[in-house]
Amino acid sequence: MNKIKEWLQTTKYKNHSLEIASADASFRKYYRLTSGDETVLLMDSSLEKESLTSFLDVTQRLLDVHVNAPCILEQNLQDGFLIIKDFGNTHYLDVLDNQNYKSLYLKAINTILKMQKADTSGLPIYDKKFLHVEMDLMKEWYLQKKLNLTLDESQKELITKTLDAISTVVLEQPQDVFVHRDFHSRNIMIANEHDIGVIDYQDAMNGAITYDLVSLLKDCYVAYDRKEIKNLALAFRDKIDLHVDDETFLKWFDFMGMQRHIKVLGIFSRLYLRDGKDGYLKDIPLTLKYVLDTASRYDETKELAEFLKAKC
């Protein structure tokens, strides 16, 4: 904290009051600087300074396509500090309900359309290898470490075969678009009545066209009527003028969702077991429900659904 205060004395925000705003699943912390009606955020990435280069790069890519990402107001890369635009305290998760989720999701879908126009040159590619690196987190951190399961060879083979089927379908859909990778209700802010703000995008990659859509519509923190979610997914397909039938697009969407939720089961477990963050344990049941509900609908994944139902 002393380093933060010393640096602030060199900026125009030296007379602003400072209070803790939030922390996230990484090792970043956020402080709100206030002077009268003006507020800005100080992002403390001193424990992971290497992430700032990516944050600055991706921020500019998004601003270039008119996505409402937080402008960078001051930077101290040596110590790992940024001062950025403040979108306030209201996340999508705070306001979503059964009456407004469709209109709010459509607004967020329009933001995905903008993001997918962003420059992807030089971004890491969501290839088959990386899809599996992510999905393998479930076996290690959720099944073996959190549930203390000892998997026999046939169970390992089942998991390997199913995950390969999932990645194969994921890669059948159009690729080579900007992927936020965590576009959900906790990373979408109500910036004002006309616009939303997008945060936590520094891990962006070049990947599949449905990734951010499924992050939004099959959110690990909140769920809505499956039929309406399907309609919203198809509305996205129509907005991008993708000429593919409903069944094919929804399969792409569903398999992308399985890849993400399988990964997240591992991540939530790791956050608890390795990092001591137990706040995500309450979100595992909904994440698992997405996996089970979707996997049970497709021949390629039914056996995995049955295995998980028996063990979890």
Protein backbone atom coordinates (compact mmCIF):
# COMPACT_ATOMS: atom_id res chain seq x y z
CA MET A 1 0.00 0.00 0.00
CA ASN A 2 2.89 2.38 0.69
CA LYS A 3 4.11 1.98 -2.91
CA ILE A 4 0.64 2.82 -4.19
CA LYS A 5 0.43 5.95 -2.07
CA GLU A 6 3.93 7.04 -3.07
CA TRP A 7 3.12 6.64 -6.76
CA LEU A 8 -0.22 8.44 -6.45
CA GLN A 9 1.69 11.49 -5.20
CA THR A 10 3.26 11.74 -8.67
CA THR A 11 -0.13 11.75 -10.43
CA LYS A 12 -3.03 14.16 -10.67
CA TYR A 13 -4.98 11.81 -8.39
CA LYS A 14 -2.76 12.48 -5.37
CA ASN A 15 -5.55 14.23 -3.45
CA HIS A 16 -8.20 11.59 -4.16
CA SER A 17 -9.37 9.43 -1.28
CA LEU A 18 -8.58 5.73 -1.60
CA GLU A 19 -10.72 2.74 -0.62
CA ILE A 20 -10.78 -0.95 -1.49
CA ALA A 21 -13.15 -1.65 -4.41
CA SER A 22 -12.81 -5.39 -5.08
CA ALA A 23 -10.55 -8.34 -5.79
CA ASP A 24 -11.03 -10.99 -8.46
CA ALA A 25 -10.19 -14.64 -9.06
CA SER A 26 -6.60 -13.73 -9.92
CA PHE A 27 -4.20 -11.85 -7.68
CA ARG A 28 -5.31 -8.41 -8.79
CA LYS A 29 -6.86 -5.90 -6.39
CA TYR A 30 -8.86 -2.79 -7.19
CA TYR A 31 -9.08 0.49 -5.30
CA ARG A 32 -11.50 3.35 -5.93
CA LEU A 33 -10.06 6.84 -5.98
CA THR A 34 -12.61 9.57 -5.26
CA SER A 35 -12.62 13.35 -5.35
CA GLY A 36 -16.04 14.97 -5.20
CA ASP A 37 -18.15 13.42 -7.97
CA GLU A 38 -15.13 12.01 -9.81
CA THR A 39 -14.11 8.39 -9.33
CA VAL A 40 -11.49 6.27 -11.04
CA LEU A 41 -10.12 2.80 -10.34
CA LEU A 42 -6.58 1.87 -9.40
CA MET A 43 -5.73 -1.65 -10.54
CA ASP A 44 -3.01 -3.27 -8.43
CA SER A 45 -1.35 -6.03 -10.43
CA SER A 46 1.88 -5.95 -8.44
CA LEU A 47 1.65 -9.71 -7.85
CA GLU A 48 1.28 -10.45 -11.56
CA LYS A 49 2.91 -7.55 -13.38
CA GLU A 50 3.32 -9.63 -16.52
CA SER A 51 -0.46 -9.45 -17.10
CA LEU A 52 -0.40 -5.69 -17.61
CA THR A 53 1.17 -5.84 -21.06
CA SER A 54 -1.68 -8.02 -22.27
CA PHE A 55 -4.27 -5.86 -20.50
CA LEU A 56 -3.01 -2.71 -22.23
CA ASP A 57 -2.81 -4.45 -25.60
CA VAL A 58 -6.29 -5.97 -25.46
CA THR A 59 -7.82 -2.77 -24.09
CA GLN A 60 -6.66 -0.92 -27.19
CA ARG A 61 -7.93 -3.65 -29.51
CA LEU A 62 -11.38 -3.32 -27.94
CA LEU A 63 -11.41 0.47 -27.93
CA ASP A 64 -10.47 0.39 -31.61
CA VAL A 65 -13.77 -1.40 -32.41
CA HIS A 66 -15.81 0.85 -30.09
CA VAL A 67 -16.25 -1.65 -27.26
CA ASN A 68 -16.69 0.19 -23.97
CA ALA A 69 -13.52 -1.00 -22.23
CA PRO A 70 -11.98 1.12 -19.46
CA CYS A 71 -9.63 3.79 -20.80
CA ILE A 72 -6.15 3.81 -19.30
CA LEU A 73 -5.61 7.09 -17.45
CA GLU A 74 -2.24 6.50 -15.77
CA GLN A 75 0.22 3.61 -15.77
CA ASN A 76 3.16 2.42 -13.69
CA LEU A 77 4.26 -0.83 -15.28
CA GLN A 78 7.36 -1.12 -13.11
CA ASP A 79 5.31 -1.51 -9.93
CA GLY A 80 2.25 -3.03 -11.60
CA PHE A 81 -0.28 -0.22 -11.19
CA LEU A 82 -2.84 1.25 -13.57
CA ILE A 83 -5.46 3.93 -13.10
CA ILE A 84 -8.46 3.25 -15.32
CA LYS A 85 -11.96 4.47 -16.03
CA ASP A 86 -14.49 3.50 -13.35
CA PHE A 87 -17.69 1.79 -14.51
CA GLY A 88 -19.13 1.79 -10.99
CA ASN A 89 -20.31 -1.11 -8.83
CA THR A 90 -23.26 -2.52 -10.77
CA HIS A 91 -22.57 -5.79 -12.57
CA TYR A 92 -25.05 -7.60 -14.81
CA LEU A 93 -25.36 -10.18 -12.04
CA ASP A 94 -26.74 -7.50 -9.71
CA VAL A 95 -29.66 -6.61 -11.96
CA LEU A 96 -30.50 -9.66 -14.11
CA ASP A 97 -33.95 -11.13 -13.46
CA ASN A 98 -36.67 -13.04 -15.28
CA GLN A 99 -38.17 -9.84 -16.66
CA ASN A 100 -35.06 -8.18 -18.08
CA TYR A 101 -32.56 -10.92 -18.93
CA LYS A 102 -33.56 -11.15 -22.60
CA SER A 103 -33.11 -7.43 -23.27
CA LEU A 104 -29.87 -7.29 -21.29
CA TYR A 105 -28.50 -10.36 -23.04
CA LEU A 106 -29.36 -8.89 -26.45
CA LYS A 107 -27.44 -5.75 -25.51
CA ALA A 108 -24.47 -7.92 -24.49
CA ILE A 109 -24.76 -9.92 -27.72
CA ASN A 110 -24.37 -6.68 -29.64
CA THR A 111 -21.15 -6.11 -27.70
CA ILE A 112 -19.93 -9.58 -28.70
CA LEU A 113 -20.53 -8.62 -32.33
CA LYS A 114 -18.27 -5.60 -31.81
CA MET A 115 -15.62 -7.65 -29.99
CA GLN A 116 -15.52 -10.17 -32.81
CA LYS A 117 -14.40 -7.39 -35.15
CA ALA A 118 -11.32 -6.74 -33.00
CA ASP A 119 -7.86 -7.43 -34.35
CA THR A 120 -6.74 -10.96 -33.42
CA SER A 121 -3.22 -10.81 -34.83
CA GLY A 122 -0.71 -12.14 -32.34
CA LEU A 123 -3.32 -13.41 -29.89
CA PRO A 124 -2.90 -17.02 -28.66
CA ILE A 125 -4.97 -19.47 -30.70
CA TYR A 126 -7.64 -21.65 -29.13
CA ASP A 127 -6.43 -24.83 -30.82
CA LYS A 128 -7.17 -28.45 -29.95
CA LYS A 129 -4.21 -28.70 -27.61
CA PHE A 130 -5.30 -25.70 -25.56
CA LEU A 131 -8.93 -26.83 -25.45
CA HIS A 132 -7.67 -30.03 -23.84
CA VAL A 133 -5.27 -28.29 -21.47
CA GLU A 134 -8.33 -26.50 -20.10
CA MET A 135 -10.65 -29.51 -19.97
CA ASP A 136 -7.99 -31.63 -18.25
CA LEU A 137 -8.36 -29.36 -15.23
CA MET A 138 -11.61 -31.14 -14.41
CA LYS A 139 -9.96 -34.55 -14.08
CA GLU A 140 -7.08 -33.30 -11.96
CA TRP A 141 -8.67 -30.68 -9.73
CA TYR A 142 -12.36 -31.63 -9.56
CA LEU A 143 -12.50 -35.41 -9.87
CA GLN A 144 -9.18 -36.46 -8.39
CA LYS A 145 -8.39 -33.71 -5.89
CA LYS A 146 -11.73 -32.28 -4.79
CA LEU A 147 -13.83 -35.47 -4.98
CA ASN A 148 -10.86 -37.74 -4.15
CA LEU A 149 -11.75 -40.17 -6.92
CA THR A 150 -9.28 -42.80 -8.08
CA LEU A 151 -9.98 -43.32 -11.77
CA ASP A 152 -9.41 -46.72 -13.34
CA GLU A 153 -8.15 -47.13 -16.88
CA SER A 154 -11.61 -47.53 -18.42
CA GLN A 155 -12.81 -44.32 -16.74
CA LYS A 156 -9.74 -42.43 -17.91
CA GLU A 157 -10.32 -43.75 -21.42
CA LEU A 158 -13.97 -42.64 -21.30
CA ILE A 159 -12.97 -39.14 -20.25
CA THR A 160 -10.27 -38.92 -22.93
CA LYS A 161 -12.61 -40.17 -25.68
CA THR A 162 -15.40 -37.79 -24.69
CA LEU A 163 -13.19 -34.73 -24.38
CA ASP A 164 -11.77 -35.48 -27.81
CA ALA A 165 -15.31 -35.61 -29.24
CA ILE A 166 -16.09 -32.27 -27.60
CA SER A 167 -13.02 -30.51 -29.00
CA THR A 168 -13.69 -31.96 -32.45
CA VAL A 169 -17.16 -30.38 -32.59
CA VAL A 170 -15.88 -27.10 -31.13
CA LEU A 171 -13.36 -26.85 -33.95
CA GLU A 172 -15.99 -27.57 -36.64
CA GLN A 173 -17.50 -24.11 -36.16
CA PRO A 174 -16.05 -20.88 -37.59
CA GLN A 175 -12.85 -19.80 -35.81
CA ASP A 176 -10.47 -16.85 -35.94
CA VAL A 177 -12.50 -14.33 -33.96
CA PHE A 178 -11.62 -12.36 -30.84
CA VAL A 179 -12.60 -14.31 -27.71
CA HIS A 180 -12.89 -12.44 -24.39
CA ARG A 181 -12.86 -15.83 -22.59
CA ASP A 182 -14.83 -14.67 -19.53
CA PHE A 183 -17.76 -12.69 -20.89
CA HIS A 184 -20.31 -13.31 -18.15
CA SER A 185 -22.47 -11.40 -15.68
CA ARG A 186 -19.63 -10.55 -13.29
CA ASN A 187 -17.52 -9.01 -16.05
CA ILE A 188 -20.23 -6.91 -17.69
CA MET A 189 -20.95 -3.60 -16.00
CA ILE A 190 -23.93 -1.29 -16.23
CA ALA A 191 -21.88 1.74 -17.25
CA ASN A 192 -24.93 3.91 -17.90
CA GLU A 193 -28.48 3.50 -19.16
CA HIS A 194 -27.32 3.32 -22.77
CA ASP A 195 -24.12 1.28 -22.61
CA ILE A 196 -22.40 -1.58 -20.85
CA GLY A 197 -18.78 -1.73 -19.78
CA VAL A 198 -16.56 -4.75 -20.39
CA ILE A 199 -13.83 -5.79 -17.94
CA ASP A 200 -11.39 -8.66 -17.21
CA TYR A 201 -10.43 -9.40 -20.81
CA GLN A 202 -6.64 -9.55 -20.57
CA ASP A 203 -6.57 -13.30 -21.30
CA ALA A 204 -8.26 -12.85 -24.70
CA MET A 205 -7.53 -15.37 -27.44
CA ASN A 206 -8.31 -16.13 -31.07
CA GLY A 207 -10.98 -18.82 -31.15
CA ALA A 208 -14.46 -20.12 -31.86
CA ILE A 209 -17.41 -17.98 -32.79
CA THR A 210 -19.67 -19.28 -29.98
CA TYR A 211 -17.24 -19.01 -27.05
CA ASP A 212 -18.25 -15.62 -25.67
CA LEU A 213 -21.88 -16.31 -26.54
CA VAL A 214 -21.94 -19.42 -24.37
CA SER A 215 -20.08 -17.63 -21.58
CA LEU A 216 -22.90 -15.09 -21.58
CA LEU A 217 -25.95 -17.30 -22.08
CA LYS A 218 -24.80 -20.30 -20.02
CA ASP A 219 -23.37 -18.23 -17.20
CA CYS A 220 -21.87 -20.18 -14.29
CA TYR A 221 -23.47 -17.76 -11.82
CA VAL A 222 -27.05 -17.51 -13.08
CA ALA A 223 -29.35 -19.51 -15.38
CA TYR A 224 -32.56 -18.85 -17.27
CA ASP A 225 -35.13 -20.78 -19.31
CA ARG A 226 -33.39 -23.19 -21.70
CA LYS A 227 -35.81 -22.56 -24.57
CA GLU A 228 -35.29 -18.80 -24.38
CA ILE A 229 -31.52 -19.24 -24.18
CA LYS A 230 -31.68 -21.32 -27.39
CA ASN A 231 -33.68 -18.54 -29.06
CA LEU A 232 -31.09 -15.97 -28.02
CA ALA A 233 -28.29 -18.18 -29.36
CA LEU A 234 -30.07 -18.45 -32.71
CA ALA A 235 -30.64 -14.69 -32.71
CA PHE A 236 -26.86 -14.29 -32.48
CA ARG A 237 -26.42 -16.65 -35.43
CA ASP A 238 -28.85 -14.56 -37.46
CA LYS A 239 -27.14 -11.30 -36.49
CA ILE A 240 -23.80 -12.55 -37.83
CA ASP A 241 -25.58 -13.87 -40.94
CA LEU A 242 -24.20 -17.37 -40.49
CA HIS A 243 -25.92 -19.75 -42.89
CA VAL A 244 -26.17 -22.95 -40.86
CA ASP A 245 -29.23 -24.83 -39.66
CA ASP A 246 -30.55 -24.60 -36.10
CA GLU A 247 -29.48 -28.10 -35.10
CA THR A 248 -25.88 -27.63 -36.23
CA PHE A 249 -25.47 -24.22 -34.64
CA LEU A 250 -27.01 -25.31 -31.35
CA LYS A 251 -24.70 -28.33 -31.28
CA TRP A 252 -21.71 -26.03 -31.74
CA PHE A 253 -23.08 -23.82 -28.97
CA ASP A 254 -23.72 -26.75 -26.63
CA PHE A 255 -20.34 -28.41 -27.17
CA MET A 256 -18.58 -25.10 -26.66
CA GLY A 257 -20.52 -24.82 -23.42
CA MET A 258 -19.44 -28.29 -22.32
CA GLN A 259 -15.80 -27.44 -23.01
CA ARG A 260 -16.08 -24.27 -20.94
CA HIS A 261 -18.01 -25.77 -18.05
CA ILE A 262 -15.75 -28.82 -17.81
CA LYS A 263 -12.81 -26.40 -17.57
CA VAL A 264 -14.59 -24.29 -14.97
CA LEU A 265 -15.27 -27.28 -12.72
CA GLY A 266 -11.50 -27.66 -12.53
CA ILE A 267 -10.86 -23.94 -12.09
CA PHE A 268 -13.38 -23.47 -9.27
CA SER A 269 -11.93 -26.51 -7.50
CA ARG A 270 -8.37 -25.23 -7.95
CA LEU A 271 -9.29 -21.78 -6.66
CA TYR A 272 -10.48 -23.47 -3.47
CA LEU A 273 -7.84 -26.17 -3.02
CA ARG A 274 -4.73 -24.32 -4.21
CA ASP A 275 -5.57 -20.64 -3.69
CA GLY A 276 -7.78 -20.85 -0.59
CA LYS A 277 -10.70 -19.08 -2.30
CA ASP A 278 -13.86 -20.86 -1.19
CA GLY A 279 -16.31 -18.34 -2.65
CA TYR A 280 -16.55 -20.30 -5.89
CA LEU A 281 -17.63 -23.59 -4.28
CA LYS A 282 -21.26 -22.45 -4.31
CA ASP A 283 -21.07 -22.06 -8.10
CA ILE A 284 -19.97 -25.64 -8.78
CA PRO A 285 -23.51 -27.14 -8.66
CA LEU A 286 -24.85 -24.92 -11.48
CA THR A 287 -21.71 -25.49 -13.54
CA LEU A 288 -22.07 -29.26 -13.08
CA LYS A 289 -25.76 -29.05 -13.96
CA TYR A 290 -24.90 -27.42 -17.29
CA VAL A 291 -22.48 -30.26 -18.06
CA LEU A 292 -24.92 -33.00 -17.10
CA ASP A 293 -27.94 -31.48 -18.86
CA THR A 294 -26.05 -30.89 -22.09
CA ALA A 295 -23.93 -34.03 -22.15
CA SER A 296 -26.99 -36.23 -21.64
CA ARG A 297 -28.51 -34.93 -24.91
CA TYR A 298 -25.76 -36.08 -27.28
CA ASP A 299 -24.58 -39.55 -28.21
CA GLU A 300 -20.91 -38.52 -28.04
CA THR A 301 -21.19 -37.38 -24.42
CA LYS A 302 -23.95 -39.48 -22.81
CA GLU A 303 -21.55 -41.91 -21.17
CA LEU A 304 -19.63 -39.09 -19.52
CA ALA A 305 -22.91 -37.67 -18.20
CA GLU A 306 -23.81 -41.04 -16.69
CA PHE A 307 -20.36 -41.37 -15.12
CA LEU A 308 -20.50 -37.89 -13.60
CA LYS A 309 -24.04 -38.41 -12.29
CA ALA A 310 -22.86 -41.57 -10.51
CA LYS A 311 -19.72 -40.02 -9.02
CA CYS A 312 -20.58 -36.38 -8.27
